[in-house]
């Protein structure tokens, strides 16, 4: 799995958010956001859609 999502971190930082901010917006645990960015976890379809919406990307971007 371990495909880092550097793009996710870059978008988050460009919006001025830390992991806690993003986690609050999408109602997730900040440690889960970290796991996603590091490529250690893959989100469910529902979570990918929520994240894609707030980050301004397509949900497909989260596919492994």
C-alpha atoms as a PDB file:
ATOM      1  CA  UNK A   1       0.000   0.000   0.000  1.00  0.00           C
ATOM      2  CA  UNK A   2       2.420   2.715   1.190  1.00  0.00           C
ATOM      3  CA  UNK A   3       1.907   5.096  -1.747  1.00  0.00           C
ATOM      4  CA  UNK A   4       2.394   8.496  -0.145  1.00  0.00           C
ATOM      5  CA  UNK A   5      -0.191  11.102  -0.986  1.00  0.00           C
ATOM      6  CA  UNK A   6       2.147  14.092  -1.140  1.00  0.00           C
ATOM      7  CA  UNK A   7      -0.452  15.906  -3.230  1.00  0.00           C
ATOM      8  CA  UNK A   8      -2.932  15.636  -0.350  1.00  0.00           C
ATOM      9  CA  UNK A   9      -0.548  17.295   2.085  1.00  0.00           C
ATOM     10  CA  UNK A  10       0.340  20.005  -0.450  1.00  0.00           C
ATOM     11  CA  UNK A  11      -3.314  20.898  -1.068  1.00  0.00           C
ATOM     12  CA  UNK A  12      -4.021  20.887   2.669  1.00  0.00           C
ATOM     13  CA  UNK A  13      -1.074  23.186   3.376  1.00  0.00           C
ATOM     14  CA  UNK A  14      -2.000  25.511   0.491  1.00  0.00           C
ATOM     15  CA  UNK A  15      -5.392  25.951   2.132  1.00  0.00           C
ATOM     16  CA  UNK A  16      -3.615  26.878   5.376  1.00  0.00           C
ATOM     17  CA  UNK A  17      -4.858  23.801   7.221  1.00  0.00           C
ATOM     18  CA  UNK A  18      -2.998  21.461   9.498  1.00  0.00           C
ATOM     19  CA  UNK A  19      -4.090  17.845   9.884  1.00  0.00           C
ATOM     20  CA  UNK A  20      -6.329  18.743  12.819  1.00  0.00           C
ATOM     21  CA  UNK A  21      -8.141  21.371  10.739  1.00  0.00           C
ATOM     22  CA  UNK A  22      -8.804  18.952   7.895  1.00  0.00           C
ATOM     23  CA  UNK A  23      -9.867  16.246  10.320  1.00  0.00           C
ATOM     24  CA  UNK A  24     -12.412  18.582  11.918  1.00  0.00           C
ATOM     25  CA  UNK A  25     -13.823  19.643   8.542  1.00  0.00           C
ATOM     26  CA  UNK A  26     -14.425  16.050   7.410  1.00  0.00           C
ATOM     27  CA  UNK A  27     -15.158  14.668  10.888  1.00  0.00           C
ATOM     28  CA  UNK A  28     -12.216  12.259  11.054  1.00  0.00           C
ATOM     29  CA  UNK A  29      -9.440  11.600  13.538  1.00  0.00           C
ATOM     30  CA  UNK A  30      -6.252  13.614  12.843  1.00  0.00           C
ATOM     31  CA  UNK A  31      -4.181  10.434  13.113  1.00  0.00           C
ATOM     32  CA  UNK A  32      -6.270   8.949  10.293  1.00  0.00           C
ATOM     33  CA  UNK A  33      -5.467  11.983   8.119  1.00  0.00           C
ATOM     34  CA  UNK A  34      -1.786  11.338   8.841  1.00  0.00           C
ATOM     35  CA  UNK A  35      -2.162   7.656   7.890  1.00  0.00           C
ATOM     36  CA  UNK A  36      -3.862   8.650   4.641  1.00  0.00           C
ATOM     37  CA  UNK A  37      -1.150  11.156   3.737  1.00  0.00           C
ATOM     38  CA  UNK A  38       1.564   8.617   4.494  1.00  0.00           C
ATOM     39  CA  UNK A  39      -0.174   6.046   2.289  1.00  0.00           C
ATOM     40  CA  UNK A  40      -0.657   3.617   5.169  1.00  0.00           C
ATOM     41  CA  UNK A  41      -4.460   3.614   4.840  1.00  0.00           C
ATOM     42  CA  UNK A  42      -6.954   3.823   2.004  1.00  0.00           C
ATOM     43  CA  UNK A  43     -10.207   5.649   2.670  1.00  0.00           C
ATOM     44  CA  UNK A  44     -13.646   4.161   2.171  1.00  0.00           C
ATOM     45  CA  UNK A  45     -15.587   5.481  -0.804  1.00  0.00           C
ATOM     46  CA  UNK A  46     -17.650   7.745   1.458  1.00  0.00           C
ATOM     47  CA  UNK A  47     -14.522   9.170   3.114  1.00  0.00           C
ATOM     48  CA  UNK A  48     -12.767   9.615  -0.234  1.00  0.00           C
ATOM     49  CA  UNK A  49     -15.786  11.574  -1.485  1.00  0.00           C
ATOM     50  CA  UNK A  50     -15.796  13.830   1.601  1.00  0.00           C
ATOM     51  CA  UNK A  51     -12.067  14.472   1.352  1.00  0.00           C
ATOM     52  CA  UNK A  52     -12.208  15.014  -2.402  1.00  0.00           C
ATOM     53  CA  UNK A  53     -14.975  17.561  -1.972  1.00  0.00           C
ATOM     54  CA  UNK A  54     -13.112  19.701   0.572  1.00  0.00           C
ATOM     55  CA  UNK A  55      -9.733  19.326  -1.168  1.00  0.00           C
ATOM     56  CA  UNK A  56     -11.134  20.045  -4.628  1.00  0.00           C
ATOM     57  CA  UNK A  57     -10.061  16.800  -6.299  1.00  0.00           C
ATOM     58  CA  UNK A  58     -11.856  13.803  -7.776  1.00  0.00           C
ATOM     59  CA  UNK A  59     -12.495  10.852  -5.436  1.00  0.00           C
ATOM     60  CA  UNK A  60     -10.579   8.627  -7.875  1.00  0.00           C
ATOM     61  CA  UNK A  61      -7.396  10.380  -6.748  1.00  0.00           C
ATOM     62  CA  UNK A  62      -7.568   8.300  -3.560  1.00  0.00           C
ATOM     63  CA  UNK A  63      -7.533   4.964  -5.358  1.00  0.00           C
ATOM     64  CA  UNK A  64      -4.461   2.856  -4.609  1.00  0.00           C
END
